[in-house]
Amino acid sequence: MGATQVRKREPADERITARLPHSTRSIIERAAAIYGASINQFIVQAAVERANEVLQSMETVRLSSRDAQLFMDTLTNPPEPNKKLLDAVRVHDRLVDSRY
């Protein structure tokens, strides 16, 4: 996970249960003991870390060097708007209140 984040502690009032084979529980117990955490703490921390990895991978756009350069060039020197874009802007202006 990237930089350390300070999180406000909120009361733990939600519960998740799971059934698992004895061999899996044994592995988790051993790892939690080595880590110095309770089984519950270990499972929650591991789940949060993995959830953050999944979310980051799904929310991050990765571009090749060529595509990144093309993107930056387009931002720096945008093309003239075509008819479809101008029509879309007019439709948007009719449908959305943009006074804010």
N, C-alpha and C. Protein backbone atom coordinates (compact mmCIF):
# COMPACT_ATOMS: atom_id res chain seq x y z
N MET A 1 0.84 -1.17 0.00
CA MET A 1 0.00 0.00 0.00
C MET A 1 0.88 1.23 0.00
N GLY A 2 0.53 2.32 -0.56
CA GLY A 2 1.36 3.50 -0.70
C GLY A 2 1.70 4.15 0.61
N ALA A 3 1.52 5.43 0.68
CA ALA A 3 1.85 6.20 1.87
C ALA A 3 0.97 5.82 3.04
N THR A 4 1.51 5.98 4.23
CA THR A 4 0.74 5.69 5.43
C THR A 4 -0.37 6.71 5.59
N GLN A 5 -1.55 6.23 5.90
CA GLN A 5 -2.70 7.11 6.07
C GLN A 5 -3.15 7.08 7.51
N VAL A 6 -3.48 8.25 8.04
CA VAL A 6 -4.03 8.34 9.38
C VAL A 6 -5.54 8.17 9.25
N ARG A 7 -6.08 7.21 9.94
CA ARG A 7 -7.51 6.96 9.85
C ARG A 7 -8.17 7.21 11.19
N LYS A 8 -9.33 7.81 11.13
CA LYS A 8 -10.12 8.01 12.34
C LYS A 8 -10.63 6.63 12.78
N ARG A 9 -10.45 6.33 14.03
CA ARG A 9 -10.92 5.05 14.53
C ARG A 9 -12.42 5.12 14.72
N GLU A 10 -13.10 4.21 14.09
CA GLU A 10 -14.54 4.15 14.27
C GLU A 10 -14.87 2.85 14.98
N PRO A 11 -15.96 2.82 15.71
CA PRO A 11 -16.29 1.61 16.46
C PRO A 11 -16.50 0.43 15.51
N ALA A 12 -15.99 -0.71 15.91
CA ALA A 12 -16.15 -1.92 15.11
C ALA A 12 -17.46 -2.58 15.49
N ASP A 13 -18.49 -2.34 14.69
CA ASP A 13 -19.79 -2.91 15.01
C ASP A 13 -20.32 -3.81 13.90
N GLU A 14 -19.52 -4.05 12.89
CA GLU A 14 -19.92 -4.95 11.80
C GLU A 14 -19.22 -6.29 11.98
N ARG A 15 -19.88 -7.34 11.51
CA ARG A 15 -19.33 -8.68 11.67
C ARG A 15 -19.37 -9.41 10.33
N ILE A 16 -18.30 -10.14 10.04
CA ILE A 16 -18.24 -11.02 8.87
C ILE A 16 -17.83 -12.39 9.39
N THR A 17 -18.52 -13.41 8.94
CA THR A 17 -18.16 -14.76 9.34
C THR A 17 -17.79 -15.56 8.09
N ALA A 18 -16.94 -16.55 8.29
CA ALA A 18 -16.53 -17.40 7.17
C ALA A 18 -16.27 -18.81 7.68
N ARG A 19 -16.64 -19.77 6.89
CA ARG A 19 -16.30 -21.16 7.19
C ARG A 19 -15.06 -21.52 6.37
N LEU A 20 -14.13 -22.21 7.00
CA LEU A 20 -12.91 -22.58 6.30
C LEU A 20 -12.40 -23.91 6.81
N PRO A 21 -11.62 -24.59 5.99
CA PRO A 21 -11.06 -25.87 6.43
C PRO A 21 -10.09 -25.68 7.60
N HIS A 22 -9.95 -26.72 8.40
CA HIS A 22 -9.06 -26.67 9.56
C HIS A 22 -7.64 -26.32 9.14
N SER A 23 -7.19 -26.86 8.01
CA SER A 23 -5.82 -26.59 7.56
C SER A 23 -5.62 -25.10 7.26
N THR A 24 -6.63 -24.45 6.72
CA THR A 24 -6.54 -23.02 6.43
C THR A 24 -6.49 -22.23 7.73
N ARG A 25 -7.34 -22.61 8.69
CA ARG A 25 -7.32 -21.92 9.98
C ARG A 25 -5.96 -22.07 10.65
N SER A 26 -5.36 -23.25 10.56
CA SER A 26 -4.05 -23.47 11.17
C SER A 26 -3.00 -22.55 10.56
N ILE A 27 -3.04 -22.39 9.25
CA ILE A 27 -2.08 -21.50 8.58
C ILE A 27 -2.27 -20.07 9.07
N ILE A 28 -3.51 -19.63 9.15
CA ILE A 28 -3.81 -18.27 9.59
C ILE A 28 -3.38 -18.08 11.04
N GLU A 29 -3.66 -19.05 11.89
CA GLU A 29 -3.26 -18.96 13.30
C GLU A 29 -1.75 -18.82 13.42
N ARG A 30 -1.00 -19.63 12.69
CA ARG A 30 0.46 -19.58 12.74
C ARG A 30 0.97 -18.22 12.29
N ALA A 31 0.44 -17.73 11.16
CA ALA A 31 0.88 -16.44 10.63
C ALA A 31 0.54 -15.31 11.60
N ALA A 32 -0.66 -15.34 12.17
CA ALA A 32 -1.07 -14.30 13.12
C ALA A 32 -0.15 -14.30 14.34
N ALA A 33 0.19 -15.48 14.82
CA ALA A 33 1.08 -15.58 15.98
C ALA A 33 2.46 -15.00 15.67
N ILE A 34 2.98 -15.31 14.50
CA ILE A 34 4.29 -14.78 14.11
C ILE A 34 4.21 -13.27 13.95
N TYR A 35 3.10 -12.78 13.42
CA TYR A 35 2.89 -11.35 13.20
C TYR A 35 2.64 -10.61 14.50
N GLY A 36 2.23 -11.35 15.54
CA GLY A 36 1.95 -10.73 16.84
C GLY A 36 0.57 -10.13 16.93
N ALA A 37 -0.39 -10.74 16.24
CA ALA A 37 -1.75 -10.22 16.23
C ALA A 37 -2.72 -11.35 16.54
N SER A 38 -3.92 -10.95 16.93
CA SER A 38 -4.97 -11.96 17.09
C SER A 38 -5.37 -12.45 15.70
N ILE A 39 -6.04 -13.56 15.65
CA ILE A 39 -6.52 -14.09 14.36
C ILE A 39 -7.42 -13.05 13.70
N ASN A 40 -8.31 -12.48 14.47
CA ASN A 40 -9.24 -11.49 13.92
C ASN A 40 -8.49 -10.28 13.35
N GLN A 41 -7.55 -9.74 14.13
CA GLN A 41 -6.77 -8.59 13.65
C GLN A 41 -6.02 -8.94 12.37
N PHE A 42 -5.43 -10.12 12.35
CA PHE A 42 -4.65 -10.54 11.19
C PHE A 42 -5.53 -10.66 9.95
N ILE A 43 -6.68 -11.29 10.10
CA ILE A 43 -7.59 -11.47 8.96
C ILE A 43 -8.09 -10.13 8.45
N VAL A 44 -8.50 -9.25 9.37
CA VAL A 44 -9.02 -7.95 8.95
C VAL A 44 -7.92 -7.16 8.23
N GLN A 45 -6.72 -7.13 8.78
CA GLN A 45 -5.63 -6.38 8.16
C GLN A 45 -5.30 -6.94 6.78
N ALA A 46 -5.23 -8.26 6.67
CA ALA A 46 -4.93 -8.88 5.38
C ALA A 46 -6.03 -8.58 4.36
N ALA A 47 -7.27 -8.63 4.80
CA ALA A 47 -8.39 -8.35 3.89
C ALA A 47 -8.38 -6.90 3.43
N VAL A 48 -8.10 -5.98 4.34
CA VAL A 48 -8.07 -4.55 3.98
C VAL A 48 -6.92 -4.29 3.00
N GLU A 49 -5.75 -4.86 3.27
CA GLU A 49 -4.62 -4.67 2.36
C GLU A 49 -4.94 -5.19 0.97
N ARG A 50 -5.52 -6.38 0.89
CA ARG A 50 -5.86 -6.96 -0.41
C ARG A 50 -6.96 -6.16 -1.11
N ALA A 51 -7.94 -5.70 -0.35
CA ALA A 51 -9.02 -4.88 -0.93
C ALA A 51 -8.44 -3.60 -1.52
N ASN A 52 -7.52 -2.97 -0.81
CA ASN A 52 -6.89 -1.75 -1.33
C ASN A 52 -6.10 -2.03 -2.60
N GLU A 53 -5.41 -3.17 -2.67
CA GLU A 53 -4.67 -3.55 -3.88
C GLU A 53 -5.63 -3.72 -5.06
N VAL A 54 -6.73 -4.41 -4.83
CA VAL A 54 -7.71 -4.63 -5.90
C VAL A 54 -8.29 -3.31 -6.36
N LEU A 55 -8.70 -2.46 -5.43
CA LEU A 55 -9.28 -1.17 -5.79
C LEU A 55 -8.28 -0.31 -6.55
N GLN A 56 -7.04 -0.28 -6.09
CA GLN A 56 -6.03 0.53 -6.77
C GLN A 56 -5.80 0.01 -8.18
N SER A 57 -5.74 -1.29 -8.36
CA SER A 57 -5.50 -1.82 -9.70
C SER A 57 -6.66 -1.54 -10.64
N MET A 58 -7.88 -1.46 -10.11
CA MET A 58 -9.04 -1.21 -10.95
C MET A 58 -9.28 0.28 -11.17
N GLU A 59 -8.73 1.13 -10.31
CA GLU A 59 -8.97 2.56 -10.41
C GLU A 59 -7.80 3.33 -11.01
N THR A 60 -6.74 2.63 -11.37
CA THR A 60 -5.55 3.26 -11.92
C THR A 60 -5.47 2.96 -13.41
N VAL A 61 -5.26 4.00 -14.19
CA VAL A 61 -5.08 3.83 -15.63
C VAL A 61 -3.59 3.78 -15.91
N ARG A 62 -3.15 2.74 -16.59
CA ARG A 62 -1.75 2.61 -16.95
C ARG A 62 -1.62 2.77 -18.46
N LEU A 63 -0.71 3.65 -18.86
CA LEU A 63 -0.50 3.91 -20.27
C LEU A 63 0.94 3.56 -20.64
N SER A 64 1.12 3.15 -21.89
CA SER A 64 2.47 2.97 -22.39
C SER A 64 3.11 4.36 -22.51
N SER A 65 4.41 4.41 -22.66
CA SER A 65 5.10 5.70 -22.81
C SER A 65 4.54 6.45 -24.02
N ARG A 66 4.30 5.74 -25.10
CA ARG A 66 3.78 6.36 -26.32
C ARG A 66 2.39 6.95 -26.07
N ASP A 67 1.51 6.17 -25.43
CA ASP A 67 0.15 6.64 -25.15
C ASP A 67 0.15 7.80 -24.16
N ALA A 68 1.03 7.75 -23.17
CA ALA A 68 1.12 8.84 -22.20
C ALA A 68 1.56 10.13 -22.89
N GLN A 69 2.52 10.02 -23.80
CA GLN A 69 2.98 11.19 -24.53
C GLN A 69 1.88 11.74 -25.42
N LEU A 70 1.14 10.86 -26.10
CA LEU A 70 0.02 11.29 -26.94
C LEU A 70 -1.05 12.00 -26.11
N PHE A 71 -1.34 11.47 -24.93
CA PHE A 71 -2.31 12.08 -24.03
C PHE A 71 -1.86 13.48 -23.62
N MET A 72 -0.60 13.60 -23.21
CA MET A 72 -0.08 14.90 -22.78
C MET A 72 -0.06 15.89 -23.94
N ASP A 73 0.31 15.43 -25.13
CA ASP A 73 0.31 16.31 -26.30
C ASP A 73 -1.09 16.81 -26.61
N THR A 74 -2.07 15.93 -26.47
CA THR A 74 -3.46 16.31 -26.74
C THR A 74 -3.96 17.31 -25.70
N LEU A 75 -3.56 17.15 -24.45
CA LEU A 75 -3.93 18.13 -23.42
C LEU A 75 -3.29 19.48 -23.69
N THR A 76 -2.05 19.45 -24.12
CA THR A 76 -1.31 20.68 -24.38
C THR A 76 -1.83 21.40 -25.63
N ASN A 77 -2.14 20.62 -26.66
CA ASN A 77 -2.61 21.17 -27.94
C ASN A 77 -3.90 20.48 -28.35
N PRO A 78 -5.00 20.82 -27.71
CA PRO A 78 -6.26 20.10 -28.01
C PRO A 78 -6.74 20.41 -29.43
N PRO A 79 -7.37 19.41 -30.07
CA PRO A 79 -7.91 19.64 -31.41
C PRO A 79 -9.15 20.53 -31.32
N GLU A 80 -9.52 21.12 -32.43
CA GLU A 80 -10.74 21.92 -32.49
C GLU A 80 -11.94 21.00 -32.26
N PRO A 81 -12.97 21.46 -31.55
CA PRO A 81 -14.14 20.61 -31.32
C PRO A 81 -14.86 20.35 -32.65
N ASN A 82 -15.28 19.07 -32.82
CA ASN A 82 -16.01 18.72 -34.04
C ASN A 82 -17.52 18.88 -33.80
N LYS A 83 -18.32 18.63 -34.81
CA LYS A 83 -19.76 18.83 -34.72
C LYS A 83 -20.39 17.97 -33.62
N LYS A 84 -19.96 16.72 -33.53
CA LYS A 84 -20.54 15.83 -32.51
C LYS A 84 -20.28 16.36 -31.10
N LEU A 85 -19.09 16.85 -30.86
CA LEU A 85 -18.78 17.39 -29.53
C LEU A 85 -19.61 18.64 -29.25
N LEU A 86 -19.71 19.53 -30.22
CA LEU A 86 -20.50 20.75 -30.04
C LEU A 86 -21.97 20.42 -29.79
N ASP A 87 -22.50 19.42 -30.52
CA ASP A 87 -23.88 18.98 -30.29
C ASP A 87 -24.04 18.41 -28.88
N ALA A 88 -23.06 17.64 -28.43
CA ALA A 88 -23.11 17.06 -27.08
C ALA A 88 -23.11 18.14 -26.01
N VAL A 89 -22.34 19.18 -26.22
CA VAL A 89 -22.29 20.30 -25.27
C VAL A 89 -23.66 20.98 -25.20
N ARG A 90 -24.28 21.18 -26.35
CA ARG A 90 -25.61 21.81 -26.36
C ARG A 90 -26.63 20.94 -25.62
N VAL A 91 -26.60 19.64 -25.85
CA VAL A 91 -27.52 18.73 -25.16
C VAL A 91 -27.24 18.78 -23.66
N HIS A 92 -25.98 18.74 -23.28
CA HIS A 92 -25.61 18.81 -21.86
C HIS A 92 -26.15 20.09 -21.22
N ASP A 93 -25.97 21.22 -21.91
CA ASP A 93 -26.43 22.49 -21.37
C ASP A 93 -27.94 22.52 -21.17
N ARG A 94 -28.68 21.82 -22.03
CA ARG A 94 -30.13 21.76 -21.88
C ARG A 94 -30.54 20.87 -20.71
N LEU A 95 -29.77 19.81 -20.48
CA LEU A 95 -30.15 18.81 -19.47
C LEU A 95 -29.59 19.08 -18.07
N VAL A 96 -28.49 19.79 -17.98
CA VAL A 96 -27.81 19.95 -16.69
C VAL A 96 -27.79 21.42 -16.31
N ASP A 97 -28.12 21.67 -15.05
CA ASP A 97 -28.07 23.02 -14.51
C ASP A 97 -26.62 23.28 -14.09
N SER A 98 -25.90 24.09 -14.83
CA SER A 98 -24.47 24.33 -14.59
C SER A 98 -24.19 25.65 -13.90
N ARG A 99 -25.11 26.14 -13.09
CA ARG A 99 -24.92 27.44 -12.45
C ARG A 99 -23.99 27.38 -11.25
N TYR A 100 -23.55 26.21 -10.82
CA TYR A 100 -22.75 26.10 -9.60
C TYR A 100 -21.32 26.25 -9.88
